[in-house]
Structures are given as structure tokens and as C-alpha cells.
Amino acid sequence: MKQKVVIKLSAVHDEKSRAKAMKTAVGVDGVNSASVQQDKGLIEVTGDGVDVVLLTTLLRKSLKHAELVSVNSVEEKKKEEEKKKEPEAMFQYVMGCPPQYLYSPCSPYQEPGCSIM
């Protein structure tokens, strides 16, 4: 299940703390993408089966304050696109009889009609 996690961070004012938060978030198993909004002090993490408690704990250890704001499941856009697609043309292959080859029977070895001694 794909989910989107929003965590509020205390100090993401400088580039060093922003890079530290991104490195910590991306290091957790299941994370596909992470983005930091510096003006609001939020980090948005999107992933498949992300352990939210572990992510928040690691961010608290590295940045001293992290508060979980929301966890939402993300709908897949691919499913909607597949429903809208028209059905593809179907091809039907008819299997016929294999070709039959006619041949004249001949003996494998024929004695010569004339022998000279």
C-alpha cells in the first residue's frame, strides 16, 4: 500500500539540516521519494510500506524535534488510466492442418540393371 507521510521538523532553515533530513528519510526502507518544504518546515515522504514510527524516531535523533502531522494512502493513477483506455484489437489465429507433402515411394537400395564381370 502506497502512503504519503507528512512530518513537521523544527530546524530546516539551512542547507545542512535540510540535507540531513533528506538523507535520513531516504535511508528508511520502502521510501520512494522525499521532499522538504523549507518555508513550512515540513518533509513529505512517499513510499510503499514505510515504517512511520521508525522514520519519525530517526528524524528526532538527527534533528532533535520531529512531529508527525499526517499519514494518508495514495491512490494509484495507473488504475484510473487503465480504465479509460479502449480495449485493444484482438487477433484470432486459426490453426489449419499442417501441409502434406506427396512423394513417390522408392526402395532405399536398387541393384544396377547391368553388371559387367
PDB file of N, CA and C in Angstrom:
ATOM      1  N   MET A   1       0.842  -1.166   0.000  1.00  0.00           N
ATOM      2  CA  MET A   1       0.000   0.000   0.000  1.00  0.00           C
ATOM      3  C   MET A   1       0.897   1.241   0.000  1.00  0.00           C
ATOM      4  N   LYS A   2       0.672   2.105  -0.954  1.00  0.00           N
ATOM      5  CA  LYS A   2       1.458   3.314  -1.084  1.00  0.00           C
ATOM      6  C   LYS A   2       0.883   4.377  -0.150  1.00  0.00           C
ATOM      7  N   GLN A   3       1.761   5.076   0.575  1.00  0.00           N
ATOM      8  CA  GLN A   3       1.287   6.066   1.519  1.00  0.00           C
ATOM      9  C   GLN A   3       2.147   7.323   1.483  1.00  0.00           C
ATOM     10  N   LYS A   4       1.526   8.422   1.915  1.00  0.00           N
ATOM     11  CA  LYS A   4       2.201   9.716   1.971  1.00  0.00           C
ATOM     12  C   LYS A   4       2.240  10.151   3.428  1.00  0.00           C
ATOM     13  N   VAL A   5       3.437  10.438   3.935  1.00  0.00           N
ATOM     14  CA  VAL A   5       3.644  10.811   5.337  1.00  0.00           C
ATOM     15  C   VAL A   5       4.152  12.247   5.371  1.00  0.00           C
ATOM     16  N   VAL A   6       3.527  13.084   6.220  1.00  0.00           N
ATOM     17  CA  VAL A   6       3.959  14.470   6.388  1.00  0.00           C
ATOM     18  C   VAL A   6       4.444  14.626   7.829  1.00  0.00           C
ATOM     19  N   ILE A   7       5.683  15.114   7.982  1.00  0.00           N
ATOM     20  CA  ILE A   7       6.290  15.290   9.294  1.00  0.00           C
ATOM     21  C   ILE A   7       6.774  16.733   9.415  1.00  0.00           C
ATOM     22  N   LYS A   8       6.439  17.357  10.541  1.00  0.00           N
ATOM     23  CA  LYS A   8       6.877  18.722  10.799  1.00  0.00           C
ATOM     24  C   LYS A   8       8.222  18.677  11.515  1.00  0.00           C
ATOM     25  N   LEU A   9       9.189  19.429  10.982  1.00  0.00           N
ATOM     26  CA  LEU A   9      10.537  19.450  11.545  1.00  0.00           C
ATOM     27  C   LEU A   9      10.801  20.800  12.188  1.00  0.00           C
ATOM     28  N   SER A  10      11.671  20.813  13.195  1.00  0.00           N
ATOM     29  CA  SER A  10      11.937  22.064  13.922  1.00  0.00           C
ATOM     30  C   SER A  10      12.920  22.965  13.172  1.00  0.00           C
ATOM     31  N   ALA A  11      14.033  22.429  12.779  1.00  0.00           N
ATOM     32  CA  ALA A  11      15.089  23.265  12.206  1.00  0.00           C
ATOM     33  C   ALA A  11      15.459  22.785  10.810  1.00  0.00           C
ATOM     34  N   VAL A  12      14.826  23.386   9.819  1.00  0.00           N
ATOM     35  CA  VAL A  12      15.189  23.081   8.430  1.00  0.00           C
ATOM     36  C   VAL A  12      15.488  24.396   7.714  1.00  0.00           C
ATOM     37  N   HIS A  13      16.167  25.297   8.426  1.00  0.00           N
ATOM     38  CA  HIS A  13      16.396  26.624   7.870  1.00  0.00           C
ATOM     39  C   HIS A  13      17.629  26.675   6.975  1.00  0.00           C
ATOM     40  N   ASP A  14      18.620  25.890   7.280  1.00  0.00           N
ATOM     41  CA  ASP A  14      19.840  25.935   6.477  1.00  0.00           C
ATOM     42  C   ASP A  14      19.967  24.681   5.613  1.00  0.00           C
ATOM     43  N   GLU A  15      20.886  24.727   4.696  1.00  0.00           N
ATOM     44  CA  GLU A  15      21.080  23.637   3.732  1.00  0.00           C
ATOM     45  C   GLU A  15      21.572  22.361   4.410  1.00  0.00           C
ATOM     46  N   LYS A  16      22.372  22.506   5.443  1.00  0.00           N
ATOM     47  CA  LYS A  16      22.933  21.336   6.125  1.00  0.00           C
ATOM     48  C   LYS A  16      21.840  20.508   6.806  1.00  0.00           C
ATOM     49  N   SER A  17      20.933  21.158   7.504  1.00  0.00           N
ATOM     50  CA  SER A  17      19.859  20.427   8.187  1.00  0.00           C
ATOM     51  C   SER A  17      18.865  19.844   7.189  1.00  0.00           C
ATOM     52  N   ARG A  18      18.654  20.543   6.079  1.00  0.00           N
ATOM     53  CA  ARG A  18      17.768  20.032   5.031  1.00  0.00           C
ATOM     54  C   ARG A  18      18.345  18.763   4.410  1.00  0.00           C
ATOM     55  N   ALA A  19      19.653  18.784   4.134  1.00  0.00           N
ATOM     56  CA  ALA A  19      20.314  17.608   3.567  1.00  0.00           C
ATOM     57  C   ALA A  19      20.317  16.448   4.557  1.00  0.00           C
ATOM     58  N   LYS A  20      20.475  16.757   5.841  1.00  0.00           N
ATOM     59  CA  LYS A  20      20.467  15.742   6.875  1.00  0.00           C
ATOM     60  C   LYS A  20      19.094  15.072   6.971  1.00  0.00           C
ATOM     61  N   ALA A  21      18.039  15.874   6.885  1.00  0.00           N
ATOM     62  CA  ALA A  21      16.675  15.338   6.939  1.00  0.00           C
ATOM     63  C   ALA A  21      16.383  14.463   5.726  1.00  0.00           C
ATOM     64  N   MET A  22      16.805  14.907   4.542  1.00  0.00           N
ATOM     65  CA  MET A  22      16.574  14.132   3.312  1.00  0.00           C
ATOM     66  C   MET A  22      17.335  12.802   3.370  1.00  0.00           C
ATOM     67  N   LYS A  23      18.570  12.842   3.832  1.00  0.00           N
ATOM     68  CA  LYS A  23      19.385  11.631   3.899  1.00  0.00           C
ATOM     69  C   LYS A  23      18.774  10.626   4.875  1.00  0.00           C
ATOM     70  N   THR A  24      18.269  11.116   5.994  1.00  0.00           N
ATOM     71  CA  THR A  24      17.644  10.239   6.981  1.00  0.00           C
ATOM     72  C   THR A  24      16.362   9.632   6.439  1.00  0.00           C
ATOM     73  N   ALA A  25      15.547  10.449   5.772  1.00  0.00           N
ATOM     74  CA  ALA A  25      14.252   9.976   5.268  1.00  0.00           C
ATOM     75  C   ALA A  25      14.426   8.953   4.152  1.00  0.00           C
ATOM     76  N   VAL A  26      15.350   9.198   3.256  1.00  0.00           N
ATOM     77  CA  VAL A  26      15.545   8.299   2.118  1.00  0.00           C
ATOM     78  C   VAL A  26      16.182   6.985   2.559  1.00  0.00           C
ATOM     79  N   GLY A  27      16.865   6.984   3.701  1.00  0.00           N
ATOM     80  CA  GLY A  27      17.518   5.782   4.191  1.00  0.00           C
ATOM     81  C   GLY A  27      16.579   4.736   4.762  1.00  0.00           C
ATOM     82  N   VAL A  28      15.324   5.095   5.022  1.00  0.00           N
ATOM     83  CA  VAL A  28      14.356   4.156   5.590  1.00  0.00           C
ATOM     84  C   VAL A  28      13.828   3.248   4.485  1.00  0.00           C
ATOM     85  N   ASP A  29      13.638   1.960   4.810  1.00  0.00           N
ATOM     86  CA  ASP A  29      13.143   1.004   3.822  1.00  0.00           C
ATOM     87  C   ASP A  29      11.741   1.374   3.358  1.00  0.00           C
ATOM     88  N   GLY A  30      11.493   1.249   2.056  1.00  0.00           N
ATOM     89  CA  GLY A  30      10.178   1.475   1.490  1.00  0.00           C
ATOM     90  C   GLY A  30       9.950   2.886   0.988  1.00  0.00           C
ATOM     91  N   VAL A  31      10.871   3.814   1.228  1.00  0.00           N
ATOM     92  CA  VAL A  31      10.693   5.202   0.802  1.00  0.00           C
ATOM     93  C   VAL A  31      11.043   5.329  -0.674  1.00  0.00           C
ATOM     94  N   ASN A  32      10.103   5.895  -1.451  1.00  0.00           N
ATOM     95  CA  ASN A  32      10.325   6.119  -2.879  1.00  0.00           C
ATOM     96  C   ASN A  32      10.782   7.541  -3.161  1.00  0.00           C
ATOM     97  N   SER A  33      10.191   8.531  -2.470  1.00  0.00           N
ATOM     98  CA  SER A  33      10.569   9.920  -2.694  1.00  0.00           C
ATOM     99  C   SER A  33      10.368  10.715  -1.415  1.00  0.00           C
ATOM    100  N   ALA A  34      11.124  11.806  -1.314  1.00  0.00           N
ATOM    101  CA  ALA A  34      11.012  12.699  -0.167  1.00  0.00           C
ATOM    102  C   ALA A  34      11.234  14.120  -0.653  1.00  0.00           C
ATOM    103  N   SER A  35      10.478  15.066  -0.093  1.00  0.00           N
ATOM    104  CA  SER A  35      10.649  16.468  -0.446  1.00  0.00           C
ATOM    105  C   SER A  35      10.496  17.311   0.809  1.00  0.00           C
ATOM    106  N   VAL A  36      11.312  18.370   0.884  1.00  0.00           N
ATOM    107  CA  VAL A  36      11.303  19.253   2.042  1.00  0.00           C
ATOM    108  C   VAL A  36      10.718  20.589   1.619  1.00  0.00           C
ATOM    109  N   GLN A  37       9.761  21.081   2.397  1.00  0.00           N
ATOM    110  CA  GLN A  37       9.209  22.421   2.201  1.00  0.00           C
ATOM    111  C   GLN A  37       9.801  23.308   3.285  1.00  0.00           C
ATOM    112  N   GLN A  38      10.800  24.100   2.920  1.00  0.00           N
ATOM    113  CA  GLN A  38      11.535  24.873   3.912  1.00  0.00           C
ATOM    114  C   GLN A  38      10.695  25.979   4.531  1.00  0.00           C
ATOM    115  N   ASP A  39       9.812  26.591   3.751  1.00  0.00           N
ATOM    116  CA  ASP A  39       9.027  27.693   4.296  1.00  0.00           C
ATOM    117  C   ASP A  39       8.063  27.233   5.389  1.00  0.00           C
ATOM    118  N   LYS A  40       7.538  26.013   5.273  1.00  0.00           N
ATOM    119  CA  LYS A  40       6.610  25.472   6.273  1.00  0.00           C
ATOM    120  C   LYS A  40       7.303  24.571   7.282  1.00  0.00           C
ATOM    121  N   GLY A  41       8.510  24.143   6.991  1.00  0.00           N
ATOM    122  CA  GLY A  41       9.240  23.250   7.883  1.00  0.00           C
ATOM    123  C   GLY A  41       8.698  21.838   7.863  1.00  0.00           C
ATOM    124  N   LEU A  42       8.222  21.383   6.692  1.00  0.00           N
ATOM    125  CA  LEU A  42       7.638  20.050   6.551  1.00  0.00           C
ATOM    126  C   LEU A  42       8.481  19.191   5.633  1.00  0.00           C
ATOM    127  N   ILE A  43       8.419  17.895   5.858  1.00  0.00           N
ATOM    128  CA  ILE A  43       9.010  16.926   4.943  1.00  0.00           C
ATOM    129  C   ILE A  43       7.911  15.948   4.552  1.00  0.00           C
ATOM    130  N   GLU A  44       7.751  15.758   3.247  1.00  0.00           N
ATOM    131  CA  GLU A  44       6.746  14.831   2.711  1.00  0.00           C
ATOM    132  C   GLU A  44       7.471  13.607   2.173  1.00  0.00           C
ATOM    133  N   VAL A  45       7.103  12.457   2.684  1.00  0.00           N
ATOM    134  CA  VAL A  45       7.736  11.208   2.285  1.00  0.00           C
ATOM    135  C   VAL A  45       6.676  10.318   1.660  1.00  0.00           C
ATOM    136  N   THR A  46       6.949   9.807   0.473  1.00  0.00           N
ATOM    137  CA  THR A  46       6.046   8.901  -0.219  1.00  0.00           C
ATOM    138  C   THR A  46       6.746   7.569  -0.389  1.00  0.00           C
ATOM    139  N   GLY A  47       6.023   6.491  -0.070  1.00  0.00           N
ATOM    140  CA  GLY A  47       6.644   5.187  -0.206  1.00  0.00           C
ATOM    141  C   GLY A  47       5.657   4.060  -0.071  1.00  0.00           C
ATOM    142  N   ASP A  48       6.175   2.874  -0.210  1.00  0.00           N
ATOM    143  CA  ASP A  48       5.371   1.667  -0.168  1.00  0.00           C
ATOM    144  C   ASP A  48       5.727   0.894   1.096  1.00  0.00           C
ATOM    145  N   GLY A  49       4.822   0.859   2.080  1.00  0.00           N
ATOM    146  CA  GLY A  49       5.064   0.138   3.323  1.00  0.00           C
ATOM    147  C   GLY A  49       6.113   0.799   4.205  1.00  0.00           C
ATOM    148  N   VAL A  50       6.064   2.117   4.350  1.00  0.00           N
ATOM    149  CA  VAL A  50       7.033   2.851   5.157  1.00  0.00           C
ATOM    150  C   VAL A  50       6.684   2.687   6.640  1.00  0.00           C
ATOM    151  N   ASP A  51       7.695   2.422   7.457  1.00  0.00           N
ATOM    152  CA  ASP A  51       7.504   2.356   8.901  1.00  0.00           C
ATOM    153  C   ASP A  51       7.549   3.786   9.439  1.00  0.00           C
ATOM    154  N   VAL A  52       6.373   4.344   9.753  1.00  0.00           N
ATOM    155  CA  VAL A  52       6.246   5.742  10.127  1.00  0.00           C
ATOM    156  C   VAL A  52       6.907   6.006  11.481  1.00  0.00           C
ATOM    157  N   VAL A  53       6.772   5.091  12.410  1.00  0.00           N
ATOM    158  CA  VAL A  53       7.358   5.269  13.737  1.00  0.00           C
ATOM    159  C   VAL A  53       8.884   5.310  13.640  1.00  0.00           C
ATOM    160  N   LEU A  54       9.465   4.416  12.863  1.00  0.00           N
ATOM    161  CA  LEU A  54      10.913   4.400  12.676  1.00  0.00           C
ATOM    162  C   LEU A  54      11.387   5.681  12.001  1.00  0.00           C
ATOM    163  N   LEU A  55      10.669   6.132  10.987  1.00  0.00           N
ATOM    164  CA  LEU A  55      11.033   7.354  10.275  1.00  0.00           C
ATOM    165  C   LEU A  55      11.020   8.556  11.216  1.00  0.00           C
ATOM    166  N   THR A  56       9.965   8.684  12.012  1.00  0.00           N
ATOM    167  CA  THR A  56       9.863   9.809  12.946  1.00  0.00           C
ATOM    168  C   THR A  56      10.951   9.740  14.010  1.00  0.00           C
ATOM    169  N   THR A  57      11.236   8.556  14.516  1.00  0.00           N
ATOM    170  CA  THR A  57      12.274   8.382  15.533  1.00  0.00           C
ATOM    171  C   THR A  57      13.649   8.764  14.987  1.00  0.00           C
ATOM    172  N   LEU A  58      13.953   8.331  13.777  1.00  0.00           N
ATOM    173  CA  LEU A  58      15.256   8.667  13.187  1.00  0.00           C
ATOM    174  C   LEU A  58      15.387  10.168  12.930  1.00  0.00           C
ATOM    175  N   LEU A  59      14.305  10.812  12.510  1.00  0.00           N
ATOM    176  CA  LEU A  59      14.349  12.258  12.291  1.00  0.00           C
ATOM    177  C   LEU A  59      14.502  13.002  13.623  1.00  0.00           C
ATOM    178  N   ARG A  60      13.902  12.482  14.679  1.00  0.00           N
ATOM    179  CA  ARG A  60      14.068  13.101  16.004  1.00  0.00           C
ATOM    180  C   ARG A  60      15.513  12.978  16.481  1.00  0.00           C
ATOM    181  N   LYS A  61      16.129  11.848  16.208  1.00  0.00           N
ATOM    182  CA  LYS A  61      17.521  11.653  16.635  1.00  0.00           C
ATOM    183  C   LYS A  61      18.463  12.587  15.884  1.00  0.00           C
ATOM    184  N   SER A  62      18.200  12.802  14.606  1.00  0.00           N
ATOM    185  CA  SER A  62      19.120  13.609  13.813  1.00  0.00           C
ATOM    186  C   SER A  62      18.826  15.109  13.899  1.00  0.00           C
ATOM    187  N   LEU A  63      17.565  15.501  14.075  1.00  0.00           N
ATOM    188  CA  LEU A  63      17.223  16.930  14.061  1.00  0.00           C
ATOM    189  C   LEU A  63      16.663  17.451  15.387  1.00  0.00           C
ATOM    190  N   LYS A  64      16.552  16.608  16.392  1.00  0.00           N
ATOM    191  CA  LYS A  64      16.137  16.954  17.749  1.00  0.00           C
ATOM    192  C   LYS A  64      14.641  17.197  17.924  1.00  0.00           C
ATOM    193  N   HIS A  65      13.879  17.479  16.869  1.00  0.00           N
ATOM    194  CA  HIS A  65      12.430  17.623  17.020  1.00  0.00           C
ATOM    195  C   HIS A  65      11.741  17.277  15.701  1.00  0.00           C
ATOM    196  N   ALA A  66      10.823  16.348  15.789  1.00  0.00           N
ATOM    197  CA  ALA A  66      10.032  15.968  14.621  1.00  0.00           C
ATOM    198  C   ALA A  66       8.658  15.547  15.111  1.00  0.00           C
ATOM    199  N   GLU A  67       7.629  16.064  14.457  1.00  0.00           N
ATOM    200  CA  GLU A  67       6.254  15.785  14.865  1.00  0.00           C
ATOM    201  C   GLU A  67       5.477  15.254  13.660  1.00  0.00           C
ATOM    202  N   LEU A  68       4.824  14.130  13.848  1.00  0.00           N
ATOM    203  CA  LEU A  68       4.043  13.508  12.784  1.00  0.00           C
ATOM    204  C   LEU A  68       2.761  14.304  12.566  1.00  0.00           C
ATOM    205  N   VAL A  69       2.540  14.761  11.337  1.00  0.00           N
ATOM    206  CA  VAL A  69       1.357  15.564  11.021  1.00  0.00           C
ATOM    207  C   VAL A  69       0.259  14.694  10.444  1.00  0.00           C
ATOM    208  N   SER A  70       0.567  13.926   9.401  1.00  0.00           N
ATOM    209  CA  SER A  70      -0.473  13.096   8.784  1.00  0.00           C
ATOM    210  C   SER A  70       0.120  11.913   8.043  1.00  0.00           C
ATOM    211  N   VAL A  71      -0.710  10.885   7.925  1.00  0.00           N
ATOM    212  CA  VAL A  71      -0.375   9.701   7.134  1.00  0.00           C
ATOM    213  C   VAL A  71      -1.589   9.419   6.259  1.00  0.00           C
ATOM    214  N   ASN A  72      -1.413   9.464   4.945  1.00  0.00           N
ATOM    215  CA  ASN A  72      -2.511   9.238   4.002  1.00  0.00           C
ATOM    216  C   ASN A  72      -2.120   8.172   2.996  1.00  0.00           C
ATOM    217  N   SER A  73      -3.102   7.395   2.570  1.00  0.00           N
ATOM    218  CA  SER A  73      -2.829   6.440   1.500  1.00  0.00           C
ATOM    219  C   SER A  73      -2.969   7.165   0.171  1.00  0.00           C
ATOM    220  N   VAL A  74      -2.123   6.795  -0.772  1.00  0.00           N
ATOM    221  CA  VAL A  74      -2.085   7.441  -2.078  1.00  0.00           C
ATOM    222  C   VAL A  74      -2.744   6.525  -3.091  1.00  0.00           C
ATOM    223  N   GLU A  75      -3.680   7.047  -3.851  1.00  0.00           N
ATOM    224  CA  GLU A  75      -4.331   6.295  -4.923  1.00  0.00           C
ATOM    225  C   GLU A  75      -3.379   6.225  -6.111  1.00  0.00           C
ATOM    226  N   GLU A  76      -3.350   5.112  -6.750  1.00  0.00           N
ATOM    227  CA  GLU A  76      -2.503   4.943  -7.921  1.00  0.00           C
ATOM    228  C   GLU A  76      -3.205   5.533  -9.138  1.00  0.00           C
ATOM    229  N   LYS A  77      -2.499   6.343  -9.893  1.00  0.00           N
ATOM    230  CA  LYS A  77      -3.071   6.961 -11.086  1.00  0.00           C
ATOM    231  C   LYS A  77      -3.139   5.974 -12.242  1.00  0.00           C
ATOM    232  N   LYS A  78      -2.334   4.940 -12.176  1.00  0.00           N
ATOM    233  CA  LYS A  78      -2.290   3.965 -13.264  1.00  0.00           C
ATOM    234  C   LYS A  78      -3.617   3.234 -13.404  1.00  0.00           C
ATOM    235  N   LYS A  79      -4.260   2.955 -12.283  1.00  0.00           N
ATOM    236  CA  LYS A  79      -5.527   2.226 -12.335  1.00  0.00           C
ATOM    237  C   LYS A  79      -6.590   3.025 -13.065  1.00  0.00           C
ATOM    238  N   GLU A  80      -6.615   4.330 -12.826  1.00  0.00           N
ATOM    239  CA  GLU A  80      -7.589   5.174 -13.499  1.00  0.00           C
ATOM    240  C   GLU A  80      -7.309   5.245 -14.995  1.00  0.00           C
ATOM    241  N   GLU A  81      -6.037   5.314 -15.359  1.00  0.00           N
ATOM    242  CA  GLU A  81      -5.674   5.385 -16.764  1.00  0.00           C
ATOM    243  C   GLU A  81      -6.031   4.086 -17.482  1.00  0.00           C
ATOM    244  N   GLU A  82      -5.872   2.954 -16.801  1.00  0.00           N
ATOM    245  CA  GLU A  82      -6.185   1.675 -17.425  1.00  0.00           C
ATOM    246  C   GLU A  82      -7.674   1.548 -17.695  1.00  0.00           C
ATOM    247  N   LYS A  83      -8.494   2.094 -16.837  1.00  0.00           N
ATOM    248  CA  LYS A  83      -9.939   2.027 -17.033  1.00  0.00           C
ATOM    249  C   LYS A  83     -10.364   2.867 -18.234  1.00  0.00           C
ATOM    250  N   LYS A  84      -9.670   3.961 -18.481  1.00  0.00           N
ATOM    251  CA  LYS A  84     -10.047   4.865 -19.556  1.00  0.00           C
ATOM    252  C   LYS A  84      -9.606   4.362 -20.933  1.00  0.00           C
ATOM    253  N   LYS A  85      -8.623   3.499 -20.963  1.00  0.00           N
ATOM    254  CA  LYS A  85      -8.112   3.010 -22.243  1.00  0.00           C
ATOM    255  C   LYS A  85      -9.161   2.171 -22.964  1.00  0.00           C
ATOM    256  N   GLU A  86      -9.155   2.306 -24.275  1.00  0.00           N
ATOM    257  CA  GLU A  86     -10.052   1.488 -25.092  1.00  0.00           C
ATOM    258  C   GLU A  86      -9.483   0.078 -25.185  1.00  0.00           C
ATOM    259  N   PRO A  87     -10.349  -0.891 -25.320  1.00  0.00           N
ATOM    260  CA  PRO A  87      -9.824  -2.253 -25.450  1.00  0.00           C
ATOM    261  C   PRO A  87      -9.013  -2.395 -26.733  1.00  0.00           C
ATOM    262  N   GLU A  88      -7.936  -3.080 -26.627  1.00  0.00           N
ATOM    263  CA  GLU A  88      -7.067  -3.277 -27.779  1.00  0.00           C
ATOM    264  C   GLU A  88      -7.689  -4.273 -28.746  1.00  0.00           C
ATOM    265  N   ALA A  89      -7.294  -4.156 -30.006  1.00  0.00           N
ATOM    266  CA  ALA A  89      -7.809  -5.068 -31.019  1.00  0.00           C
ATOM    267  C   ALA A  89      -7.313  -6.475 -30.725  1.00  0.00           C
ATOM    268  N   MET A  90      -8.201  -7.410 -30.849  1.00  0.00           N
ATOM    269  CA  MET A  90      -7.829  -8.790 -30.575  1.00  0.00           C
ATOM    270  C   MET A  90      -7.575  -9.503 -31.899  1.00  0.00           C
ATOM    271  N   PHE A  91      -6.546 -10.291 -31.936  1.00  0.00           N
ATOM    272  CA  PHE A  91      -6.212 -11.061 -33.119  1.00  0.00           C
ATOM    273  C   PHE A  91      -6.565 -12.514 -32.863  1.00  0.00           C
ATOM    274  N   GLN A  92      -7.148 -13.111 -33.865  1.00  0.00           N
ATOM    275  CA  GLN A  92      -7.506 -14.512 -33.724  1.00  0.00           C
ATOM    276  C   GLN A  92      -6.725 -15.294 -34.772  1.00  0.00           C
ATOM    277  N   TYR A  93      -6.002 -16.254 -34.318  1.00  0.00           N
ATOM    278  CA  TYR A  93      -5.219 -17.086 -35.208  1.00  0.00           C
ATOM    279  C   TYR A  93      -5.941 -18.420 -35.364  1.00  0.00           C
ATOM    280  N   VAL A  94      -6.111 -18.832 -36.615  1.00  0.00           N
ATOM    281  CA  VAL A  94      -6.760 -20.107 -36.894  1.00  0.00           C
ATOM    282  C   VAL A  94      -5.674 -21.094 -37.291  1.00  0.00           C
ATOM    283  N   MET A  95      -5.640 -22.179 -36.587  1.00  0.00           N
ATOM    284  CA  MET A  95      -4.645 -23.196 -36.881  1.00  0.00           C
ATOM    285  C   MET A  95      -5.226 -24.156 -37.911  1.00  0.00           C
ATOM    286  N   GLY A  96      -4.578 -24.289 -39.026  1.00  0.00           N
ATOM    287  CA  GLY A  96      -5.024 -25.209 -40.062  1.00  0.00           C
ATOM    288  C   GLY A  96      -4.264 -26.523 -39.973  1.00  0.00           C
ATOM    289  N   CYS A  97      -4.549 -27.389 -40.887  1.00  0.00           N
ATOM    290  CA  CYS A  97      -3.827 -28.658 -40.952  1.00  0.00           C
ATOM    291  C   CYS A  97      -2.415 -28.384 -41.452  1.00  0.00           C
ATOM    292  N   PRO A  98      -1.468 -29.136 -40.989  1.00  0.00           N
ATOM    293  CA  PRO A  98      -0.112 -28.933 -41.484  1.00  0.00           C
ATOM    294  C   PRO A  98      -0.042 -29.336 -42.958  1.00  0.00           C
ATOM    295  N   PRO A  99       0.814 -28.717 -43.721  1.00  0.00           N
ATOM    296  CA  PRO A  99       0.904 -29.058 -45.142  1.00  0.00           C
ATOM    297  C   PRO A  99       1.348 -30.514 -45.323  1.00  0.00           C
ATOM    298  N   GLN A 100       0.765 -31.140 -46.324  1.00  0.00           N
ATOM    299  CA  GLN A 100       1.108 -32.533 -46.605  1.00  0.00           C
ATOM    300  C   GLN A 100       1.922 -32.582 -47.886  1.00  0.00           C
ATOM    301  N   TYR A 101       3.011 -33.273 -47.820  1.00  0.00           N
ATOM    302  CA  TYR A 101       3.886 -33.400 -48.965  1.00  0.00           C
ATOM    303  C   TYR A 101       3.711 -34.806 -49.556  1.00  0.00           C
ATOM    304  N   LEU A 102       3.586 -34.870 -50.875  1.00  0.00           N
ATOM    305  CA  LEU A 102       3.446 -36.147 -51.567  1.00  0.00           C
ATOM    306  C   LEU A 102       4.806 -36.545 -52.130  1.00  0.00           C
ATOM    307  N   TYR A 103       5.112 -37.789 -51.977  1.00  0.00           N
ATOM    308  CA  TYR A 103       6.364 -38.285 -52.527  1.00  0.00           C
ATOM    309  C   TYR A 103       6.117 -39.681 -53.053  1.00  0.00           C
ATOM    310  N   SER A 104       6.936 -40.075 -54.020  1.00  0.00           N
ATOM    311  CA  SER A 104       6.794 -41.409 -54.601  1.00  0.00           C
ATOM    312  C   SER A 104       7.676 -42.366 -53.813  1.00  0.00           C
ATOM    313  N   PRO A 105       7.125 -43.510 -53.472  1.00  0.00           N
ATOM    314  CA  PRO A 105       7.931 -44.455 -52.707  1.00  0.00           C
ATOM    315  C   PRO A 105       9.010 -45.080 -53.592  1.00  0.00           C
ATOM    316  N   CYS A 106      10.172 -45.161 -53.110  1.00  0.00           N
ATOM    317  CA  CYS A 106      11.261 -45.815 -53.819  1.00  0.00           C
ATOM    318  C   CYS A 106      12.041 -46.633 -52.811  1.00  0.00           C
ATOM    319  N   SER A 107      12.638 -47.689 -53.288  1.00  0.00           N
ATOM    320  CA  SER A 107      13.382 -48.534 -52.374  1.00  0.00           C
ATOM    321  C   SER A 107      14.691 -47.834 -52.024  1.00  0.00           C
ATOM    322  N   PRO A 108      15.166 -48.082 -50.865  1.00  0.00           N
ATOM    323  CA  PRO A 108      16.370 -47.383 -50.454  1.00  0.00           C
ATOM    324  C   PRO A 108      17.603 -47.814 -51.252  1.00  0.00           C
ATOM    325  N   TYR A 109      17.644 -49.070 -51.735  1.00  0.00           N
ATOM    326  CA  TYR A 109      18.801 -49.523 -52.484  1.00  0.00           C
ATOM    327  C   TYR A 109      18.318 -50.252 -53.722  1.00  0.00           C
ATOM    328  N   GLN A 110      18.774 -49.857 -54.879  1.00  0.00           N
ATOM    329  CA  GLN A 110      18.414 -50.539 -56.132  1.00  0.00           C
ATOM    330  C   GLN A 110      19.689 -51.142 -56.719  1.00  0.00           C
ATOM    331  N   GLU A 111      19.521 -52.386 -57.130  1.00  0.00           N
ATOM    332  CA  GLU A 111      20.645 -53.051 -57.764  1.00  0.00           C
ATOM    333  C   GLU A 111      20.783 -52.519 -59.196  1.00  0.00           C
ATOM    334  N   PRO A 112      22.018 -52.427 -59.632  1.00  0.00           N
ATOM    335  CA  PRO A 112      22.204 -51.936 -61.000  1.00  0.00           C
ATOM    336  C   PRO A 112      21.655 -52.970 -61.996  1.00  0.00           C
ATOM    337  N   GLY A 113      21.022 -52.492 -63.047  1.00  0.00           N
ATOM    338  CA  GLY A 113      20.431 -53.381 -64.043  1.00  0.00           C
ATOM    339  C   GLY A 113      21.479 -54.109 -64.873  1.00  0.00           C
ATOM    340  N   CYS A 114      22.668 -53.597 -64.966  1.00  0.00           N
ATOM    341  CA  CYS A 114      23.699 -54.207 -65.797  1.00  0.00           C
ATOM    342  C   CYS A 114      24.970 -54.352 -64.992  1.00  0.00           C
ATOM    343  N   SER A 115      25.494 -55.536 -64.976  1.00  0.00           N
ATOM    344  CA  SER A 115      26.740 -55.743 -64.255  1.00  0.00           C
ATOM    345  C   SER A 115      27.775 -56.319 -65.201  1.00  0.00           C
ATOM    346  N   ILE A 116      28.924 -55.829 -65.196  1.00  0.00           N
ATOM    347  CA  ILE A 116      29.991 -56.323 -66.052  1.00  0.00           C
ATOM    348  C   ILE A 116      30.968 -57.084 -65.198  1.00  0.00           C
ATOM    349  N   MET A 117      31.250 -58.305 -65.667  1.00  0.00           N
ATOM    350  CA  MET A 117      32.176 -59.131 -64.910  1.00  0.00           C
ATOM    351  C   MET A 117      33.461 -59.241 -65.588  1.00  0.00           C
TER     352      MET A 117
END
